[in-house]
PDB file of all heavy atoms in Angstrom:
ATOM      1  N   VAL A   1      72.082 -26.105 215.319  1.00  0.00           N
ATOM      2  CA  VAL A   1      71.376 -25.067 214.564  1.00  0.00           C
ATOM      3  C   VAL A   1      70.628 -24.145 215.519  1.00  0.00           C
ATOM      4  O   VAL A   1      70.201 -24.542 216.612  1.00  0.00           O
ATOM      5  CB  VAL A   1      70.398 -25.677 213.532  1.00  0.00           C
ATOM      6  CG1 VAL A   1      71.150 -26.528 212.533  1.00  0.00           C
ATOM      7  CG2 VAL A   1      69.317 -26.500 214.218  1.00  0.00           C
ATOM      8  N   ASN A   2      70.442 -22.915 215.072  1.00  0.00           N
ATOM      9  CA  ASN A   2      69.811 -21.871 215.881  1.00  0.00           C
ATOM     10  C   ASN A   2      68.447 -21.520 215.282  1.00  0.00           C
ATOM     11  O   ASN A   2      68.377 -20.895 214.233  1.00  0.00           O
ATOM     12  CB  ASN A   2      70.720 -20.636 215.927  1.00  0.00           C
ATOM     13  CG  ASN A   2      70.142 -19.526 216.789  1.00  0.00           C
ATOM     14  OD1 ASN A   2      69.066 -19.669 217.380  1.00  0.00           O
ATOM     15  ND2 ASN A   2      70.852 -18.410 216.875  1.00  0.00           N
ATOM     16  N   LEU A   3      67.387 -21.904 215.946  1.00  0.00           N
ATOM     17  CA  LEU A   3      66.051 -21.626 215.448  1.00  0.00           C
ATOM     18  C   LEU A   3      65.566 -20.219 215.793  1.00  0.00           C
ATOM     19  O   LEU A   3      64.464 -19.836 215.428  1.00  0.00           O
ATOM     20  CB  LEU A   3      65.050 -22.655 215.993  1.00  0.00           C
ATOM     21  CG  LEU A   3      65.211 -24.070 215.459  1.00  0.00           C
ATOM     22  CD1 LEU A   3      64.116 -24.972 216.009  1.00  0.00           C
ATOM     23  CD2 LEU A   3      65.187 -24.085 213.939  1.00  0.00           C
ATOM     24  N   GLU A   4      66.394 -19.459 216.488  1.00  0.00           N
ATOM     25  CA  GLU A   4      66.064 -18.061 216.742  1.00  0.00           C
ATOM     26  C   GLU A   4      66.555 -17.166 215.607  1.00  0.00           C
ATOM     27  O   GLU A   4      66.202 -15.999 215.533  1.00  0.00           O
ATOM     28  CB  GLU A   4      66.672 -17.597 218.069  1.00  0.00           C
ATOM     29  CG  GLU A   4      66.067 -18.284 219.288  1.00  0.00           C
ATOM     30  CD  GLU A   4      66.608 -17.716 220.582  1.00  0.00           C
ATOM     31  OE1 GLU A   4      67.474 -16.809 220.523  1.00  0.00           O
ATOM     32  OE2 GLU A   4      66.162 -18.155 221.652  1.00  0.00           O
ATOM     33  N   ASP A   5      67.372 -17.728 214.740  1.00  0.00           N
ATOM     34  CA  ASP A   5      67.975 -16.970 213.650  1.00  0.00           C
ATOM     35  C   ASP A   5      67.364 -17.423 212.330  1.00  0.00           C
ATOM     36  O   ASP A   5      67.342 -18.617 212.019  1.00  0.00           O
ATOM     37  CB  ASP A   5      69.494 -17.208 213.643  1.00  0.00           C
ATOM     38  CG  ASP A   5      70.232 -16.222 212.742  1.00  0.00           C
ATOM     39  OD1 ASP A   5      69.654 -15.841 211.707  1.00  0.00           O
ATOM     40  OD2 ASP A   5      71.359 -15.858 213.084  1.00  0.00           O
ATOM     41  N   ASN A   6      66.867 -16.477 211.543  1.00  0.00           N
ATOM     42  CA  ASN A   6      66.214 -16.847 210.291  1.00  0.00           C
ATOM     43  C   ASN A   6      67.185 -17.396 209.243  1.00  0.00           C
ATOM     44  O   ASN A   6      66.754 -17.872 208.185  1.00  0.00           O
ATOM     45  CB  ASN A   6      65.458 -15.654 209.704  1.00  0.00           C
ATOM     46  CG  ASN A   6      66.370 -14.499 209.336  1.00  0.00           C
ATOM     47  OD1 ASN A   6      66.692 -13.678 210.192  1.00  0.00           O
ATOM     48  ND2 ASN A   6      66.783 -14.415 208.088  1.00  0.00           N
ATOM     49  N   SER A   7      68.477 -17.374 209.520  1.00  0.00           N
ATOM     50  CA  SER A   7      69.440 -17.952 208.575  1.00  0.00           C
ATOM     51  C   SER A   7      69.252 -19.457 208.441  1.00  0.00           C
ATOM     52  O   SER A   7      69.785 -20.076 207.514  1.00  0.00           O
ATOM     53  CB  SER A   7      70.875 -17.645 209.015  1.00  0.00           C
ATOM     54  OG  SER A   7      71.162 -18.251 210.268  1.00  0.00           O
ATOM     55  N   ILE A   8      68.478 -20.066 209.343  1.00  0.00           N
ATOM     56  CA  ILE A   8      68.205 -21.498 209.264  1.00  0.00           C
ATOM     57  C   ILE A   8      67.543 -21.844 207.933  1.00  0.00           C
ATOM     58  O   ILE A   8      67.726 -22.928 207.391  1.00  0.00           O
ATOM     59  CB  ILE A   8      67.309 -21.953 210.451  1.00  0.00           C
ATOM     60  CG1 ILE A   8      67.050 -23.471 210.393  1.00  0.00           C
ATOM     61  CG2 ILE A   8      65.989 -21.211 210.464  1.00  0.00           C
ATOM     62  CD1 ILE A   8      68.266 -24.309 210.549  1.00  0.00           C
ATOM     63  N   PHE A   9      66.788 -20.890 207.352  1.00  0.00           N
ATOM     64  CA  PHE A   9      66.087 -21.160 206.103  1.00  0.00           C
ATOM     65  C   PHE A   9      67.049 -21.400 204.931  1.00  0.00           C
ATOM     66  O   PHE A   9      66.679 -22.029 203.948  1.00  0.00           O
ATOM     67  CB  PHE A   9      65.138 -20.010 205.755  1.00  0.00           C
ATOM     68  CG  PHE A   9      63.950 -19.911 206.672  1.00  0.00           C
ATOM     69  CD1 PHE A   9      63.767 -18.793 207.470  1.00  0.00           C
ATOM     70  CD2 PHE A   9      63.025 -20.935 206.746  1.00  0.00           C
ATOM     71  CE1 PHE A   9      62.677 -18.701 208.314  1.00  0.00           C
ATOM     72  CE2 PHE A   9      61.928 -20.852 207.583  1.00  0.00           C
ATOM     73  CZ  PHE A   9      61.751 -19.729 208.381  1.00  0.00           C
ATOM     74  N   SER A  10      68.257 -20.878 205.034  1.00  0.00           N
ATOM     75  CA  SER A  10      69.241 -21.050 203.963  1.00  0.00           C
ATOM     76  C   SER A  10      70.288 -22.104 204.319  1.00  0.00           C
ATOM     77  O   SER A  10      71.281 -22.260 203.617  1.00  0.00           O
ATOM     78  CB  SER A  10      69.938 -19.710 203.667  1.00  0.00           C
ATOM     79  OG  SER A  10      70.569 -19.200 204.826  1.00  0.00           O
ATOM     80  N   SER A  11      70.042 -22.834 205.398  1.00  0.00           N
ATOM     81  CA  SER A  11      70.984 -23.871 205.829  1.00  0.00           C
ATOM     82  C   SER A  11      70.609 -25.216 205.207  1.00  0.00           C
ATOM     83  O   SER A  11      69.434 -25.577 205.133  1.00  0.00           O
ATOM     84  CB  SER A  11      70.966 -23.993 207.356  1.00  0.00           C
ATOM     85  OG  SER A  11      71.667 -25.155 207.768  1.00  0.00           O
ATOM     86  N   PRO A  12      71.605 -25.991 204.762  1.00  0.00           N
ATOM     87  CA  PRO A  12      71.305 -27.333 204.247  1.00  0.00           C
ATOM     88  C   PRO A  12      70.760 -28.261 205.325  1.00  0.00           C
ATOM     89  O   PRO A  12      70.279 -29.352 205.016  1.00  0.00           O
ATOM     90  CB  PRO A  12      72.659 -27.818 203.722  1.00  0.00           C
ATOM     91  CG  PRO A  12      73.672 -27.014 204.457  1.00  0.00           C
ATOM     92  CD  PRO A  12      73.048 -25.676 204.678  1.00  0.00           C
ATOM     93  N   TRP A  13      70.803 -27.830 206.574  1.00  0.00           N
ATOM     94  CA  TRP A  13      70.285 -28.632 207.681  1.00  0.00           C
ATOM     95  C   TRP A  13      68.840 -28.266 208.019  1.00  0.00           C
ATOM     96  O   TRP A  13      68.277 -28.806 208.977  1.00  0.00           O
ATOM     97  CB  TRP A  13      71.167 -28.461 208.913  1.00  0.00           C
ATOM     98  CG  TRP A  13      72.535 -29.046 208.733  1.00  0.00           C
ATOM     99  CD1 TRP A  13      73.599 -28.465 208.090  1.00  0.00           C
ATOM    100  CD2 TRP A  13      72.984 -30.325 209.141  1.00  0.00           C
ATOM    101  NE1 TRP A  13      74.679 -29.295 208.092  1.00  0.00           N
ATOM    102  CE2 TRP A  13      74.334 -30.453 208.746  1.00  0.00           C
ATOM    103  CE3 TRP A  13      72.395 -31.382 209.833  1.00  0.00           C
ATOM    104  CZ2 TRP A  13      75.084 -31.583 208.995  1.00  0.00           C
ATOM    105  CZ3 TRP A  13      73.141 -32.522 210.094  1.00  0.00           C
ATOM    106  CH2 TRP A  13      74.467 -32.614 209.677  1.00  0.00           C
ATOM    107  N   TYR A  14      68.255 -27.346 207.237  1.00  0.00           N
ATOM    108  CA  TYR A  14      66.855 -26.981 207.489  1.00  0.00           C
ATOM    109  C   TYR A  14      65.946 -28.187 207.251  1.00  0.00           C
ATOM    110  O   TYR A  14      64.945 -28.379 207.945  1.00  0.00           O
ATOM    111  CB  TYR A  14      66.434 -25.819 206.579  1.00  0.00           C
ATOM    112  CG  TYR A  14      64.978 -25.452 206.704  1.00  0.00           C
ATOM    113  CD1 TYR A  14      64.481 -24.866 207.870  1.00  0.00           C
ATOM    114  CD2 TYR A  14      64.083 -25.698 205.661  1.00  0.00           C
ATOM    115  CE1 TYR A  14      63.142 -24.525 207.991  1.00  0.00           C
ATOM    116  CE2 TYR A  14      62.738 -25.362 205.773  1.00  0.00           C
ATOM    117  CZ  TYR A  14      62.282 -24.777 206.936  1.00  0.00           C
ATOM    118  OH  TYR A  14      60.950 -24.453 207.052  1.00  0.00           O
ATOM    119  N   TYR A  15      66.299 -29.017 206.258  1.00  0.00           N
ATOM    120  CA  TYR A  15      65.549 -30.238 206.008  1.00  0.00           C
ATOM    121  C   TYR A  15      66.278 -31.412 206.646  1.00  0.00           C
ATOM    122  O   TYR A  15      67.467 -31.624 206.393  1.00  0.00           O
ATOM    123  CB  TYR A  15      65.377 -30.488 204.508  1.00  0.00           C
ATOM    124  CG  TYR A  15      64.361 -29.582 203.872  1.00  0.00           C
ATOM    125  CD1 TYR A  15      64.760 -28.480 203.114  1.00  0.00           C
ATOM    126  CD2 TYR A  15      62.998 -29.803 204.039  1.00  0.00           C
ATOM    127  CE1 TYR A  15      63.824 -27.632 202.541  1.00  0.00           C
ATOM    128  CE2 TYR A  15      62.055 -28.970 203.468  1.00  0.00           C
ATOM    129  CZ  TYR A  15      62.475 -27.886 202.720  1.00  0.00           C
ATOM    130  OH  TYR A  15      61.545 -27.057 202.160  1.00  0.00           O
ATOM    131  N   VAL A  16      65.588 -32.150 207.480  1.00  0.00           N
ATOM    132  CA  VAL A  16      66.184 -33.338 208.083  1.00  0.00           C
ATOM    133  C   VAL A  16      65.914 -34.531 207.174  1.00  0.00           C
ATOM    134  O   VAL A  16      64.939 -34.542 206.416  1.00  0.00           O
ATOM    135  CB  VAL A  16      65.628 -33.597 209.500  1.00  0.00           C
ATOM    136  CG1 VAL A  16      66.071 -32.503 210.439  1.00  0.00           C
ATOM    137  CG2 VAL A  16      64.102 -33.700 209.495  1.00  0.00           C
ATOM    138  N   LYS A  17      66.787 -35.526 207.264  1.00  0.00           N
ATOM    139  CA  LYS A  17      66.756 -36.655 206.339  1.00  0.00           C
ATOM    140  C   LYS A  17      66.607 -37.974 207.103  1.00  0.00           C
ATOM    141  O   LYS A  17      66.729 -38.004 208.335  1.00  0.00           O
ATOM    142  CB  LYS A  17      68.027 -36.643 205.489  1.00  0.00           C
ATOM    143  CG  LYS A  17      68.140 -35.400 204.620  1.00  0.00           C
ATOM    144  CD  LYS A  17      69.402 -35.410 203.784  1.00  0.00           C
ATOM    145  CE  LYS A  17      69.492 -34.155 202.918  1.00  0.00           C
ATOM    146  NZ  LYS A  17      70.717 -34.138 202.088  1.00  0.00           N
ATOM    147  N   PRO A  18      66.351 -39.068 206.383  1.00  0.00           N
ATOM    148  CA  PRO A  18      66.157 -40.353 207.056  1.00  0.00           C
ATOM    149  C   PRO A  18      67.300 -40.698 208.000  1.00  0.00           C
ATOM    150  O   PRO A  18      68.466 -40.472 207.692  1.00  0.00           O
ATOM    151  CB  PRO A  18      66.079 -41.346 205.885  1.00  0.00           C
ATOM    152  CG  PRO A  18      65.539 -40.538 204.756  1.00  0.00           C
ATOM    153  CD  PRO A  18      66.147 -39.176 204.916  1.00  0.00           C
ATOM    154  N   ASN A  19      66.920 -41.220 209.161  1.00  0.00           N
ATOM    155  CA  ASN A  19      67.835 -41.672 210.223  1.00  0.00           C
ATOM    156  C   ASN A  19      68.462 -40.520 211.003  1.00  0.00           C
ATOM    157  O   ASN A  19      69.317 -40.762 211.863  1.00  0.00           O
ATOM    158  CB  ASN A  19      68.926 -42.584 209.667  1.00  0.00           C
ATOM    159  CG  ASN A  19      68.357 -43.843 209.045  1.00  0.00           C
ATOM    160  OD1 ASN A  19      67.426 -44.443 209.573  1.00  0.00           O
ATOM    161  ND2 ASN A  19      68.891 -44.236 207.896  1.00  0.00           N
ATOM    162  N   ASP A  20      68.066 -39.273 210.707  1.00  0.00           N
ATOM    163  CA  ASP A  20      68.545 -38.156 211.524  1.00  0.00           C
ATOM    164  C   ASP A  20      67.999 -38.274 212.949  1.00  0.00           C
ATOM    165  O   ASP A  20      66.880 -38.767 213.166  1.00  0.00           O
ATOM    166  CB  ASP A  20      68.082 -36.817 210.936  1.00  0.00           C
ATOM    167  CG  ASP A  20      68.975 -36.334 209.806  1.00  0.00           C
ATOM    168  OD1 ASP A  20      69.943 -37.044 209.467  1.00  0.00           O
ATOM    169  OD2 ASP A  20      68.698 -35.245 209.267  1.00  0.00           O
ATOM    170  N   ILE A  21      68.789 -37.810 213.900  1.00  0.00           N
ATOM    171  CA  ILE A  21      68.364 -37.706 215.299  1.00  0.00           C
ATOM    172  C   ILE A  21      68.331 -36.231 215.667  1.00  0.00           C
ATOM    173  O   ILE A  21      69.332 -35.525 215.493  1.00  0.00           O
ATOM    174  CB  ILE A  21      69.313 -38.468 216.242  1.00  0.00           C
ATOM    175  CG1 ILE A  21      69.341 -39.960 215.883  1.00  0.00           C
ATOM    176  CG2 ILE A  21      68.900 -38.283 217.694  1.00  0.00           C
ATOM    177  CD1 ILE A  21      70.378 -40.750 216.657  1.00  0.00           C
ATOM    178  N   ILE A  22      67.196 -35.763 216.143  1.00  0.00           N
ATOM    179  CA  ILE A  22      67.042 -34.367 216.553  1.00  0.00           C
ATOM    180  C   ILE A  22      66.977 -34.337 218.079  1.00  0.00           C
ATOM    181  O   ILE A  22      66.113 -34.970 218.689  1.00  0.00           O
ATOM    182  CB  ILE A  22      65.761 -33.749 215.973  1.00  0.00           C
ATOM    183  CG1 ILE A  22      65.778 -33.844 214.442  1.00  0.00           C
ATOM    184  CG2 ILE A  22      65.606 -32.303 216.419  1.00  0.00           C
ATOM    185  CD1 ILE A  22      64.456 -33.472 213.801  1.00  0.00           C
ATOM    186  N   LEU A  23      67.885 -33.600 218.679  1.00  0.00           N
ATOM    187  CA  LEU A  23      67.934 -33.512 220.135  1.00  0.00           C
ATOM    188  C   LEU A  23      67.699 -32.068 220.559  1.00  0.00           C
ATOM    189  O   LEU A  23      68.456 -31.170 220.191  1.00  0.00           O
ATOM    190  CB  LEU A  23      69.293 -33.993 220.658  1.00  0.00           C
ATOM    191  CG  LEU A  23      69.526 -33.863 222.167  1.00  0.00           C
ATOM    192  CD1 LEU A  23      68.496 -34.681 222.936  1.00  0.00           C
ATOM    193  CD2 LEU A  23      70.935 -34.305 222.527  1.00  0.00           C
ATOM    194  N   VAL A  24      66.642 -31.856 221.327  1.00  0.00           N
ATOM    195  CA  VAL A  24      66.315 -30.524 221.838  1.00  0.00           C
ATOM    196  C   VAL A  24      66.729 -30.492 223.310  1.00  0.00           C
ATOM    197  O   VAL A  24      66.156 -31.201 224.145  1.00  0.00           O
ATOM    198  CB  VAL A  24      64.809 -30.218 221.699  1.00  0.00           C
ATOM    199  CG1 VAL A  24      64.507 -28.807 222.199  1.00  0.00           C
ATOM    200  CG2 VAL A  24      64.364 -30.385 220.253  1.00  0.00           C
ATOM    201  N   SER A  25      67.732 -29.688 223.619  1.00  0.00           N
ATOM    202  CA  SER A  25      68.276 -29.652 224.972  1.00  0.00           C
ATOM    203  C   SER A  25      67.408 -28.831 225.918  1.00  0.00           C
ATOM    204  O   SER A  25      66.645 -27.965 225.504  1.00  0.00           O
ATOM    205  CB  SER A  25      69.698 -29.075 224.960  1.00  0.00           C
ATOM    206  OG  SER A  25      70.556 -29.878 224.176  1.00  0.00           O
ATOM    207  N   ARG A  26      67.546 -29.116 227.187  1.00  0.00           N
ATOM    208  CA  ARG A  26      66.782 -28.442 228.233  1.00  0.00           C
ATOM    209  C   ARG A  26      67.598 -27.296 228.822  1.00  0.00           C
ATOM    210  O   ARG A  26      68.796 -27.444 229.090  1.00  0.00           O
ATOM    211  CB  ARG A  26      66.426 -29.437 229.339  1.00  0.00           C
ATOM    212  CG  ARG A  26      65.614 -28.863 230.505  1.00  0.00           C
ATOM    213  CD  ARG A  26      65.348 -29.966 231.524  1.00  0.00           C
ATOM    214  NE  ARG A  26      64.596 -29.499 232.661  1.00  0.00           N
ATOM    215  CZ  ARG A  26      63.269 -29.448 232.734  1.00  0.00           C
ATOM    216  NH1 ARG A  26      62.553 -29.848 231.693  1.00  0.00           N
ATOM    217  NH2 ARG A  26      62.648 -29.019 233.811  1.00  0.00           N
ATOM    218  N   ASP A  27      66.961 -26.152 229.009  1.00  0.00           N
ATOM    219  CA  ASP A  27      67.591 -25.014 229.677  1.00  0.00           C
ATOM    220  C   ASP A  27      67.412 -25.211 231.184  1.00  0.00           C
ATOM    221  O   ASP A  27      66.421 -24.792 231.771  1.00  0.00           O
ATOM    222  CB  ASP A  27      66.937 -23.703 229.224  1.00  0.00           C
ATOM    223  CG  ASP A  27      67.685 -22.482 229.729  1.00  0.00           C
ATOM    224  OD1 ASP A  27      68.406 -22.612 230.736  1.00  0.00           O
ATOM    225  OD2 ASP A  27      67.545 -21.401 229.133  1.00  0.00           O
ATOM    226  N   TYR A  28      68.393 -25.876 231.799  1.00  0.00           N
ATOM    227  CA  TYR A  28      68.256 -26.244 233.206  1.00  0.00           C
ATOM    228  C   TYR A  28      68.215 -25.018 234.118  1.00  0.00           C
ATOM    229  O   TYR A  28      67.511 -25.022 235.143  1.00  0.00           O
ATOM    230  CB  TYR A  28      69.401 -27.173 233.617  1.00  0.00           C
ATOM    231  CG  TYR A  28      69.261 -28.563 233.048  1.00  0.00           C
ATOM    232  CD1 TYR A  28      69.947 -28.937 231.886  1.00  0.00           C
ATOM    233  CD2 TYR A  28      68.431 -29.497 233.654  1.00  0.00           C
ATOM    234  CE1 TYR A  28      69.803 -30.209 231.351  1.00  0.00           C
ATOM    235  CE2 TYR A  28      68.286 -30.771 233.122  1.00  0.00           C
ATOM    236  CZ  TYR A  28      68.973 -31.116 231.974  1.00  0.00           C
ATOM    237  OH  TYR A  28      68.824 -32.368 231.449  1.00  0.00           O
ATOM    238  N   ALA A  29      68.958 -23.969 233.774  1.00  0.00           N
ATOM    239  CA  ALA A  29      68.957 -22.769 234.604  1.00  0.00           C
ATOM    240  C   ALA A  29      67.572 -22.129 234.619  1.00  0.00           C
ATOM    241  O   ALA A  29      67.050 -21.745 235.670  1.00  0.00           O
ATOM    242  CB  ALA A  29      69.997 -21.771 234.088  1.00  0.00           C
ATOM    243  N   LYS A  30      66.957 -22.035 233.439  1.00  0.00           N
ATOM    244  CA  LYS A  30      65.618 -21.455 233.345  1.00  0.00           C
ATOM    245  C   LYS A  30      64.599 -22.326 234.064  1.00  0.00           C
ATOM    246  O   LYS A  30      63.740 -21.825 234.803  1.00  0.00           O
ATOM    247  CB  LYS A  30      65.230 -21.296 231.873  1.00  0.00           C
ATOM    248  CG  LYS A  30      63.844 -20.718 231.659  1.00  0.00           C
ATOM    249  CD  LYS A  30      63.538 -20.627 230.175  1.00  0.00           C
ATOM    250  CE  LYS A  30      62.111 -20.134 229.940  1.00  0.00           C
ATOM    251  NZ  LYS A  30      61.786 -20.070 228.492  1.00  0.00           N
ATOM    252  N   ALA A  31      64.700 -23.626 233.856  1.00  0.00           N
ATOM    253  CA  ALA A  31      63.754 -24.545 234.492  1.00  0.00           C
ATOM    254  C   ALA A  31      63.885 -24.496 236.007  1.00  0.00           C
ATOM    255  O   ALA A  31      62.881 -24.500 236.733  1.00  0.00           O
ATOM    256  CB  ALA A  31      63.984 -25.968 233.985  1.00  0.00           C
ATOM    257  N   ASP A  32      65.139 -24.422 236.492  1.00  0.00           N
ATOM    258  CA  ASP A  32      65.365 -24.357 237.939  1.00  0.00           C
ATOM    259  C   ASP A  32      64.820 -23.055 238.517  1.00  0.00           C
ATOM    260  O   ASP A  32      64.215 -23.046 239.597  1.00  0.00           O
ATOM    261  CB  ASP A  32      66.863 -24.477 238.222  1.00  0.00           C
ATOM    262  CG  ASP A  32      67.170 -24.540 239.707  1.00  0.00           C
ATOM    263  OD1 ASP A  32      66.658 -25.462 240.369  1.00  0.00           O
ATOM    264  OD2 ASP A  32      67.916 -23.670 240.201  1.00  0.00           O
ATOM    265  N   LYS A  33      65.012 -21.962 237.778  1.00  0.00           N
ATOM    266  CA  LYS A  33      64.502 -20.668 238.240  1.00  0.00           C
ATOM    267  C   LYS A  33      62.983 -20.674 238.310  1.00  0.00           C
ATOM    268  O   LYS A  33      62.385 -20.179 239.280  1.00  0.00           O
ATOM    269  CB  LYS A  33      64.978 -19.563 237.295  1.00  0.00           C
ATOM    270  CG  LYS A  33      64.595 -18.164 237.738  1.00  0.00           C
ATOM    271  CD  LYS A  33      65.185 -17.124 236.795  1.00  0.00           C
ATOM    272  CE  LYS A  33      64.812 -15.717 237.238  1.00  0.00           C
ATOM    273  NZ  LYS A  33      65.382 -14.693 236.320  1.00  0.00           N
ATOM    274  N   GLU A  34      62.338 -21.237 237.308  1.00  0.00           N
ATOM    275  CA  GLU A  34      60.877 -21.306 237.293  1.00  0.00           C
ATOM    276  C   GLU A  34      60.368 -22.196 238.420  1.00  0.00           C
ATOM    277  O   GLU A  34      59.353 -21.892 239.054  1.00  0.00           O
ATOM    278  CB  GLU A  34      60.391 -21.844 235.939  1.00  0.00           C
ATOM    279  CG  GLU A  34      60.557 -20.866 234.791  1.00  0.00           C
ATOM    280  CD  GLU A  34      59.711 -19.627 234.975  1.00  0.00           C
ATOM    281  OE1 GLU A  34      58.532 -19.750 235.383  1.00  0.00           O
ATOM    282  OE2 GLU A  34      60.231 -18.524 234.741  1.00  0.00           O
ATOM    283  N   GLN A  35      61.083 -23.294 238.673  1.00  0.00           N
ATOM    284  CA  GLN A  35      60.677 -24.197 239.745  1.00  0.00           C
ATOM    285  C   GLN A  35      60.790 -23.518 241.106  1.00  0.00           C
ATOM    286  O   GLN A  35      59.898 -23.647 241.950  1.00  0.00           O
ATOM    287  CB  GLN A  35      61.524 -25.463 239.709  1.00  0.00           C
ATOM    288  CG  GLN A  35      61.082 -26.538 240.699  1.00  0.00           C
ATOM    289  CD  GLN A  35      61.911 -27.796 240.579  1.00  0.00           C
ATOM    290  OE1 GLN A  35      62.988 -27.791 240.016  1.00  0.00           O
ATOM    291  NE2 GLN A  35      61.397 -28.900 241.107  1.00  0.00           N
ATOM    292  N   LYS A  36      61.901 -22.795 241.309  1.00  0.00           N
ATOM    293  CA  LYS A  36      62.079 -22.086 242.580  1.00  0.00           C
ATOM    294  C   LYS A  36      61.031 -21.005 242.751  1.00  0.00           C
ATOM    295  O   LYS A  36      60.515 -20.781 243.855  1.00  0.00           O
ATOM    296  CB  LYS A  36      63.486 -21.483 242.638  1.00  0.00           C
ATOM    297  CG  LYS A  36      64.584 -22.512 242.823  1.00  0.00           C
ATOM    298  CD  LYS A  36      65.952 -21.851 242.883  1.00  0.00           C
ATOM    299  CE  LYS A  36      67.041 -22.879 243.103  1.00  0.00           C
ATOM    300  NZ  LYS A  36      68.402 -22.272 243.130  1.00  0.00           N
ATOM    301  N   ARG A  37      60.708 -20.294 241.660  1.00  0.00           N
ATOM    302  CA  ARG A  37      59.695 -19.239 241.741  1.00  0.00           C
ATOM    303  C   ARG A  37      58.329 -19.820 242.099  1.00  0.00           C
ATOM    304  O   ARG A  37      57.596 -19.269 242.931  1.00  0.00           O
ATOM    305  CB  ARG A  37      59.613 -18.493 240.410  1.00  0.00           C
ATOM    306  CG  ARG A  37      58.675 -17.287 240.416  1.00  0.00           C
ATOM    307  CD  ARG A  37      58.772 -16.533 239.102  1.00  0.00           C
ATOM    308  NE  ARG A  37      58.195 -17.293 238.021  1.00  0.00           N
ATOM    309  CZ  ARG A  37      56.890 -17.265 237.705  1.00  0.00           C
ATOM    310  NH1 ARG A  37      56.060 -16.514 238.398  1.00  0.00           N
ATOM    311  NH2 ARG A  37      56.433 -17.979 236.710  1.00  0.00           N
ATOM    312  N   ALA A  38      58.005 -20.960 241.478  1.00  0.00           N
ATOM    313  CA  ALA A  38      56.723 -21.600 241.767  1.00  0.00           C
ATOM    314  C   ALA A  38      56.652 -22.082 243.212  1.00  0.00           C
ATOM    315  O   ALA A  38      55.628 -21.928 243.890  1.00  0.00           O
ATOM    316  CB  ALA A  38      56.496 -22.769 240.810  1.00  0.00           C
TER     317      ALA A  38
END
């Protein structure tokens, strides 16, 4: 699902249900760029 798009509000996946697993992935390119900049 795309949380940048307001169409999430009309998606049946907007509500999570028992035993669901939510995985939020890491933007490794962005994190690496920020680390190098720091």
